[in-house]
Amino acid sequence: MLPAIIAQLEQLIAQVEAAGPVAEAGARLDISTHSQSGHEYARLRHGSTLKSCGRVGSEKHLEVLATLQRRDQIAQLSQAIESLNLAQAIPVTVPPPSKERAISKEGSANTPVTVKSKPKAVSRQKKATGRKQLYTHVKTRQGSVTHAVLGKDKAGEWRTAALCGATPPKRDRHGWDFPTHGDGVTCPKCYRKLPANGKRHFPDLG
């Protein structure tokens, strides 16, 4: 691959050299402005030698400029060839694969892939309809807010905290008051914590 690229670059150098004269290394153009006419003139400087190239844009100036451009093109192509020759001279060594890597690759190819199935999610509605998820209407004897308590206990003996965290006053030794048939939950905090089908879990007090 590299020899073919080097050959193509050498052909390009030959084409540039055949296109016309090539300026010497170190030569450059100096542009100066005439003090009276204001026109720009070019001079070829090579060391301490100056050679007039006429007015900028003239035929002579363009010829000298072309020689400088060809010189720069050849320099760039030659540098690219030199870099490719250096790269070609560097030996490329590929380390052999280690035994551990070969064993690991062979083992992974023979190992069957096990796909773990995700556990089925238990719907909130199904969990809420279980036998243990019973809710009871309760309220204090002097209060008007009806709370919801998880579970079904004997009337007058409840001291379980409501879903909102409220508890009956200590002065009421029997705890929560008897629920009234048909009462709904009026505590907004308890109501928000009830499941969507929470009403069906209240015991029938009729």
C-alpha atoms as a PDB file:
ATOM      1  CA  MET A   1       0.000   0.000   0.000  1.00  0.00           C
ATOM      2  CA  LEU A   2       2.681   2.529   1.012  1.00  0.00           C
ATOM      3  CA  PRO A   3       4.957   1.856  -2.005  1.00  0.00           C
ATOM      4  CA  ALA A   4       2.077   2.597  -4.363  1.00  0.00           C
ATOM      5  CA  ILE A   5       1.355   5.928  -2.625  1.00  0.00           C
ATOM      6  CA  ILE A   6       5.043   6.877  -2.728  1.00  0.00           C
ATOM      7  CA  ALA A   7       5.169   6.133  -6.435  1.00  0.00           C
ATOM      8  CA  GLN A   8       2.154   8.370  -7.079  1.00  0.00           C
ATOM      9  CA  LEU A   9       3.767  11.249  -5.142  1.00  0.00           C
ATOM     10  CA  GLU A  10       6.990  10.875  -7.144  1.00  0.00           C
ATOM     11  CA  GLN A  11       4.967  11.103 -10.354  1.00  0.00           C
ATOM     12  CA  LEU A  12       3.383  14.330  -9.111  1.00  0.00           C
ATOM     13  CA  ILE A  13       6.830  15.792  -8.429  1.00  0.00           C
ATOM     14  CA  ALA A  14       7.905  14.944 -11.982  1.00  0.00           C
ATOM     15  CA  GLN A  15       4.791  16.638 -13.385  1.00  0.00           C
ATOM     16  CA  VAL A  16       5.451  19.821 -11.380  1.00  0.00           C
ATOM     17  CA  GLU A  17       9.080  19.947 -12.523  1.00  0.00           C
ATOM     18  CA  ALA A  18       8.009  19.471 -16.151  1.00  0.00           C
ATOM     19  CA  ALA A  19       5.527  22.358 -15.879  1.00  0.00           C
ATOM     20  CA  GLY A  20       8.285  24.989 -15.841  1.00  0.00           C
ATOM     21  CA  PRO A  21      11.264  26.447 -13.989  1.00  0.00           C
ATOM     22  CA  VAL A  22      11.522  25.960 -10.231  1.00  0.00           C
ATOM     23  CA  ALA A  23      12.794  28.687  -7.932  1.00  0.00           C
ATOM     24  CA  GLU A  24      15.870  28.069  -5.810  1.00  0.00           C
ATOM     25  CA  ALA A  25      15.550  27.324  -2.116  1.00  0.00           C
ATOM     26  CA  GLY A  26      15.540  30.475  -0.013  1.00  0.00           C
ATOM     27  CA  ALA A  27      14.314  32.746  -2.783  1.00  0.00           C
ATOM     28  CA  ARG A  28      11.343  34.991  -2.056  1.00  0.00           C
ATOM     29  CA  LEU A  29       9.443  37.965  -3.465  1.00  0.00           C
ATOM     30  CA  ASP A  30       9.600  41.429  -1.989  1.00  0.00           C
ATOM     31  CA  ILE A  31       6.764  43.859  -2.760  1.00  0.00           C
ATOM     32  CA  SER A  32       7.380  47.598  -2.549  1.00  0.00           C
ATOM     33  CA  THR A  33       5.233  50.629  -3.389  1.00  0.00           C
ATOM     34  CA  HIS A  34       6.525  53.397  -5.629  1.00  0.00           C
ATOM     35  CA  SER A  35       6.621  56.667  -3.719  1.00  0.00           C
ATOM     36  CA  GLN A  36       5.361  58.814  -6.620  1.00  0.00           C
ATOM     37  CA  SER A  37       3.033  56.625  -8.684  1.00  0.00           C
ATOM     38  CA  GLY A  38       1.782  54.430  -5.828  1.00  0.00           C
ATOM     39  CA  HIS A  39       2.168  51.285  -7.938  1.00  0.00           C
ATOM     40  CA  GLU A  40       3.452  48.069  -6.389  1.00  0.00           C
ATOM     41  CA  TYR A  41       6.578  46.433  -7.784  1.00  0.00           C
ATOM     42  CA  ALA A  42       8.026  42.986  -7.088  1.00  0.00           C
ATOM     43  CA  ARG A  43      11.658  41.996  -6.637  1.00  0.00           C
ATOM     44  CA  LEU A  44      13.095  38.490  -6.276  1.00  0.00           C
ATOM     45  CA  ARG A  45      15.408  38.311  -3.300  1.00  0.00           C
ATOM     46  CA  HIS A  46      17.923  35.483  -2.987  1.00  0.00           C
ATOM     47  CA  GLY A  47      20.333  36.147  -0.180  1.00  0.00           C
ATOM     48  CA  SER A  48      21.751  39.615  -0.783  1.00  0.00           C
ATOM     49  CA  THR A  49      20.829  39.587  -4.480  1.00  0.00           C
ATOM     50  CA  LEU A  50      17.769  41.457  -5.727  1.00  0.00           C
ATOM     51  CA  LYS A  51      16.244  40.948  -9.160  1.00  0.00           C
ATOM     52  CA  SER A  52      13.493  43.135 -10.530  1.00  0.00           C
ATOM     53  CA  CYS A  53      10.295  41.310 -11.508  1.00  0.00           C
ATOM     54  CA  GLY A  54       8.355  44.299 -12.777  1.00  0.00           C
ATOM     55  CA  ARG A  55       5.035  45.615 -11.636  1.00  0.00           C
ATOM     56  CA  VAL A  56       2.791  43.383  -9.496  1.00  0.00           C
ATOM     57  CA  GLY A  57       0.451  41.498 -11.801  1.00  0.00           C
ATOM     58  CA  SER A  58       2.654  41.822 -14.835  1.00  0.00           C
ATOM     59  CA  GLU A  59       3.642  38.813 -16.934  1.00  0.00           C
ATOM     60  CA  LYS A  60       7.179  38.755 -15.525  1.00  0.00           C
ATOM     61  CA  HIS A  61       5.935  38.913 -11.969  1.00  0.00           C
ATOM     62  CA  LEU A  62       3.495  36.052 -12.550  1.00  0.00           C
ATOM     63  CA  GLU A  63       6.227  33.872 -14.080  1.00  0.00           C
ATOM     64  CA  VAL A  64       8.495  34.349 -11.069  1.00  0.00           C
ATOM     65  CA  LEU A  65       5.575  33.730  -8.731  1.00  0.00           C
ATOM     66  CA  ALA A  66       4.824  30.424 -10.522  1.00  0.00           C
ATOM     67  CA  THR A  67       8.433  29.258 -10.004  1.00  0.00           C
ATOM     68  CA  LEU A  68       8.080  29.872  -6.268  1.00  0.00           C
ATOM     69  CA  GLN A  69       4.758  27.983  -6.139  1.00  0.00           C
ATOM     70  CA  ARG A  70       6.247  24.989  -7.951  1.00  0.00           C
ATOM     71  CA  ARG A  71       9.166  24.960  -5.526  1.00  0.00           C
ATOM     72  CA  ASP A  72       6.798  24.918  -2.537  1.00  0.00           C
ATOM     73  CA  GLN A  73       4.690  22.117  -4.062  1.00  0.00           C
ATOM     74  CA  ILE A  74       7.757  19.950  -4.636  1.00  0.00           C
ATOM     75  CA  ALA A  75       8.917  20.585  -1.054  1.00  0.00           C
ATOM     76  CA  GLN A  76       5.564  19.467   0.360  1.00  0.00           C
ATOM     77  CA  LEU A  77       5.461  16.330  -1.795  1.00  0.00           C
ATOM     78  CA  SER A  78       9.039  15.449  -0.873  1.00  0.00           C
ATOM     79  CA  GLN A  79       8.252  15.817   2.810  1.00  0.00           C
ATOM     80  CA  ALA A  80       5.256  13.494   2.451  1.00  0.00           C
ATOM     81  CA  ILE A  81       7.421  10.886   0.706  1.00  0.00           C
ATOM     82  CA  GLU A  82      10.006  11.107   3.460  1.00  0.00           C
ATOM     83  CA  SER A  83       7.355  10.553   6.132  1.00  0.00           C
ATOM     84  CA  LEU A  84       5.988   7.497   4.297  1.00  0.00           C
ATOM     85  CA  ASN A  85       9.470   6.030   3.925  1.00  0.00           C
ATOM     86  CA  LEU A  86      10.013   6.368   7.660  1.00  0.00           C
ATOM     87  CA  ALA A  87       6.676   4.714   8.388  1.00  0.00           C
ATOM     88  CA  GLN A  88       7.513   1.912   5.992  1.00  0.00           C
ATOM     89  CA  ALA A  89      10.825   1.277   7.758  1.00  0.00           C
ATOM     90  CA  ILE A  90       9.194   0.772  11.175  1.00  0.00           C
ATOM     91  CA  PRO A  91       8.481  -2.939  11.750  1.00  0.00           C
ATOM     92  CA  VAL A  92       4.948  -3.777  12.827  1.00  0.00           C
ATOM     93  CA  THR A  93       4.689  -6.593  15.352  1.00  0.00           C
ATOM     94  CA  VAL A  94       1.369  -8.057  16.441  1.00  0.00           C
ATOM     95  CA  PRO A  95       1.538  -9.761  19.857  1.00  0.00           C
ATOM     96  CA  PRO A  96       0.097 -13.280  19.963  1.00  0.00           C
ATOM     97  CA  PRO A  97      -3.168 -13.672  21.871  1.00  0.00           C
ATOM     98  CA  SER A  98      -2.713 -14.719  25.476  1.00  0.00           C
ATOM     99  CA  LYS A  99      -3.925 -18.120  26.653  1.00  0.00           C
ATOM    100  CA  GLU A 100      -6.280 -16.585  29.211  1.00  0.00           C
ATOM    101  CA  ARG A 101      -7.963 -14.457  26.555  1.00  0.00           C
ATOM    102  CA  ALA A 102      -8.306 -17.454  24.225  1.00  0.00           C
ATOM    103  CA  ILE A 103      -9.820 -19.591  26.984  1.00  0.00           C
ATOM    104  CA  SER A 104     -12.179 -16.802  27.993  1.00  0.00           C
ATOM    105  CA  LYS A 105     -13.322 -16.311  24.391  1.00  0.00           C
ATOM    106  CA  GLU A 106     -13.842 -20.052  23.905  1.00  0.00           C
ATOM    107  CA  GLY A 107     -15.712 -20.369  27.178  1.00  0.00           C
ATOM    108  CA  SER A 108     -17.979 -17.443  26.410  1.00  0.00           C
ATOM    109  CA  ALA A 109     -18.871 -18.967  23.049  1.00  0.00           C
ATOM    110  CA  ASN A 110     -19.917 -22.266  24.641  1.00  0.00           C
ATOM    111  CA  THR A 111     -21.709 -20.784  27.619  1.00  0.00           C
ATOM    112  CA  PRO A 112     -25.469 -20.673  27.094  1.00  0.00           C
ATOM    113  CA  VAL A 113     -27.115 -17.307  27.562  1.00  0.00           C
ATOM    114  CA  THR A 114     -29.708 -17.287  30.309  1.00  0.00           C
ATOM    115  CA  VAL A 115     -32.434 -14.696  30.039  1.00  0.00           C
ATOM    116  CA  LYS A 116     -33.941 -13.819  33.374  1.00  0.00           C
ATOM    117  CA  SER A 117     -37.603 -13.075  33.234  1.00  0.00           C
ATOM    118  CA  LYS A 118     -38.850 -10.125  35.212  1.00  0.00           C
ATOM    119  CA  PRO A 119     -41.153 -10.932  38.105  1.00  0.00           C
ATOM    120  CA  LYS A 120     -44.739 -10.132  37.386  1.00  0.00           C
ATOM    121  CA  ALA A 121     -45.860  -6.947  39.030  1.00  0.00           C
ATOM    122  CA  VAL A 122     -48.692  -7.329  41.507  1.00  0.00           C
ATOM    123  CA  SER A 123     -51.395  -4.886  40.618  1.00  0.00           C
ATOM    124  CA  ARG A 124     -52.477  -2.426  43.246  1.00  0.00           C
ATOM    125  CA  GLN A 125     -56.076  -3.409  42.751  1.00  0.00           C
ATOM    126  CA  LYS A 126     -55.398  -7.123  43.310  1.00  0.00           C
ATOM    127  CA  LYS A 127     -53.422  -6.399  46.462  1.00  0.00           C
ATOM    128  CA  ALA A 128     -56.127  -4.131  47.750  1.00  0.00           C
ATOM    129  CA  THR A 129     -58.820  -6.790  47.328  1.00  0.00           C
ATOM    130  CA  GLY A 130     -57.056  -9.301  49.629  1.00  0.00           C
ATOM    131  CA  ARG A 131     -58.813 -10.533  52.731  1.00  0.00           C
ATOM    132  CA  LYS A 132     -56.409  -8.724  55.077  1.00  0.00           C
ATOM    133  CA  GLN A 133     -56.968  -5.306  53.498  1.00  0.00           C
ATOM    134  CA  LEU A 134     -60.096  -4.256  55.431  1.00  0.00           C
ATOM    135  CA  TYR A 135     -60.800  -0.631  56.269  1.00  0.00           C
ATOM    136  CA  THR A 136     -63.168   0.671  58.916  1.00  0.00           C
ATOM    137  CA  HIS A 137     -64.791   4.060  59.397  1.00  0.00           C
ATOM    138  CA  VAL A 138     -63.903   5.586  62.762  1.00  0.00           C
ATOM    139  CA  LYS A 139     -64.179   8.938  64.458  1.00  0.00           C
ATOM    140  CA  THR A 140     -63.821  10.415  67.940  1.00  0.00           C
ATOM    141  CA  ARG A 141     -66.860  10.727  70.165  1.00  0.00           C
ATOM    142  CA  GLN A 142     -66.808  14.516  70.095  1.00  0.00           C
ATOM    143  CA  GLY A 143     -65.314  14.875  66.594  1.00  0.00           C
ATOM    144  CA  SER A 144     -67.025  15.166  63.248  1.00  0.00           C
ATOM    145  CA  VAL A 145     -64.209  13.960  60.958  1.00  0.00           C
ATOM    146  CA  THR A 146     -64.478  10.358  59.830  1.00  0.00           C
ATOM    147  CA  HIS A 147     -61.143   8.600  59.458  1.00  0.00           C
ATOM    148  CA  ALA A 148     -60.163   5.238  57.968  1.00  0.00           C
ATOM    149  CA  VAL A 149     -58.326   2.551  59.949  1.00  0.00           C
ATOM    150  CA  LEU A 150     -56.745  -0.530  58.461  1.00  0.00           C
ATOM    151  CA  GLY A 151     -58.294  -3.718  59.790  1.00  0.00           C
ATOM    152  CA  LYS A 152     -61.532  -4.811  61.413  1.00  0.00           C
ATOM    153  CA  ASP A 153     -61.679  -4.684  65.227  1.00  0.00           C
ATOM    154  CA  LYS A 154     -64.382  -4.869  67.856  1.00  0.00           C
ATOM    155  CA  ALA A 155     -66.506  -1.781  68.175  1.00  0.00           C
ATOM    156  CA  GLY A 156     -65.332   0.606  70.894  1.00  0.00           C
ATOM    157  CA  GLU A 157     -61.920  -1.001  71.348  1.00  0.00           C
ATOM    158  CA  TRP A 158     -59.964   0.640  68.572  1.00  0.00           C
ATOM    159  CA  ARG A 159     -56.815   2.523  69.288  1.00  0.00           C
ATOM    160  CA  THR A 160     -55.074   1.803  65.996  1.00  0.00           C
ATOM    161  CA  ALA A 161     -53.773   4.929  64.276  1.00  0.00           C
ATOM    162  CA  ALA A 162     -55.751   6.054  61.263  1.00  0.00           C
ATOM    163  CA  LEU A 163     -54.238   6.135  57.772  1.00  0.00           C
ATOM    164  CA  CYS A 164     -53.461   9.807  58.250  1.00  0.00           C
ATOM    165  CA  GLY A 165     -51.661   9.095  61.544  1.00  0.00           C
ATOM    166  CA  ALA A 166     -54.382  10.449  63.840  1.00  0.00           C
ATOM    167  CA  THR A 167     -55.133   8.609  67.115  1.00  0.00           C
ATOM    168  CA  PRO A 168     -58.076   8.940  69.522  1.00  0.00           C
ATOM    169  CA  PRO A 169     -57.620  11.182  72.569  1.00  0.00           C
ATOM    170  CA  LYS A 170     -56.321   9.478  75.701  1.00  0.00           C
ATOM    171  CA  ARG A 171     -59.331  10.683  77.680  1.00  0.00           C
ATOM    172  CA  ASP A 172     -61.536   8.415  75.540  1.00  0.00           C
ATOM    173  CA  ARG A 173     -60.672   5.100  77.132  1.00  0.00           C
ATOM    174  CA  HIS A 174     -62.636   3.183  74.531  1.00  0.00           C
ATOM    175  CA  GLY A 175     -60.710   4.791  71.677  1.00  0.00           C
ATOM    176  CA  TRP A 176     -62.500   5.414  68.442  1.00  0.00           C
ATOM    177  CA  ASP A 177     -66.266   5.834  68.446  1.00  0.00           C
ATOM    178  CA  PHE A 178     -68.692   3.417  66.817  1.00  0.00           C
ATOM    179  CA  PRO A 179     -68.918   3.853  63.082  1.00  0.00           C
ATOM    180  CA  THR A 180     -72.199   4.954  61.574  1.00  0.00           C
ATOM    181  CA  HIS A 181     -73.700   2.985  58.721  1.00  0.00           C
ATOM    182  CA  GLY A 182     -73.301   4.859  55.460  1.00  0.00           C
ATOM    183  CA  ASP A 183     -70.628   7.243  56.753  1.00  0.00           C
ATOM    184  CA  GLY A 184     -67.931   8.099  54.246  1.00  0.00           C
ATOM    185  CA  VAL A 185     -64.321   9.078  54.912  1.00  0.00           C
ATOM    186  CA  THR A 186     -64.209  12.843  55.401  1.00  0.00           C
ATOM    187  CA  CYS A 187     -60.521  13.077  56.366  1.00  0.00           C
ATOM    188  CA  PRO A 188     -58.741  14.177  53.162  1.00  0.00           C
ATOM    189  CA  LYS A 189     -55.434  12.575  54.195  1.00  0.00           C
ATOM    190  CA  CYS A 190     -57.032   9.201  54.885  1.00  0.00           C
ATOM    191  CA  TYR A 191     -59.056   9.420  51.671  1.00  0.00           C
ATOM    192  CA  ARG A 192     -55.933  10.015  49.560  1.00  0.00           C
ATOM    193  CA  LYS A 193     -54.250   6.943  51.056  1.00  0.00           C
ATOM    194  CA  LEU A 194     -57.167   4.628  50.293  1.00  0.00           C
ATOM    195  CA  PRO A 195     -56.852   2.469  47.155  1.00  0.00           C
ATOM    196  CA  ALA A 196     -59.051   3.192  44.191  1.00  0.00           C
ATOM    197  CA  ASN A 197     -61.460   0.430  45.206  1.00  0.00           C
ATOM    198  CA  GLY A 198     -61.161   1.084  48.946  1.00  0.00           C
ATOM    199  CA  LYS A 199     -64.883   1.498  49.539  1.00  0.00           C
ATOM    200  CA  ARG A 200     -65.619  -2.166  48.980  1.00  0.00           C
ATOM    201  CA  HIS A 201     -63.327  -3.069  51.882  1.00  0.00           C
ATOM    202  CA  PHE A 202     -65.416  -1.393  54.565  1.00  0.00           C
ATOM    203  CA  PRO A 203     -67.413  -3.955  56.592  1.00  0.00           C
ATOM    204  CA  ASP A 204     -71.159  -4.070  56.179  1.00  0.00           C
ATOM    205  CA  LEU A 205     -72.617  -2.474  59.305  1.00  0.00           C
ATOM    206  CA  GLY A 206     -76.267  -2.875  58.320  1.00  0.00           C
END
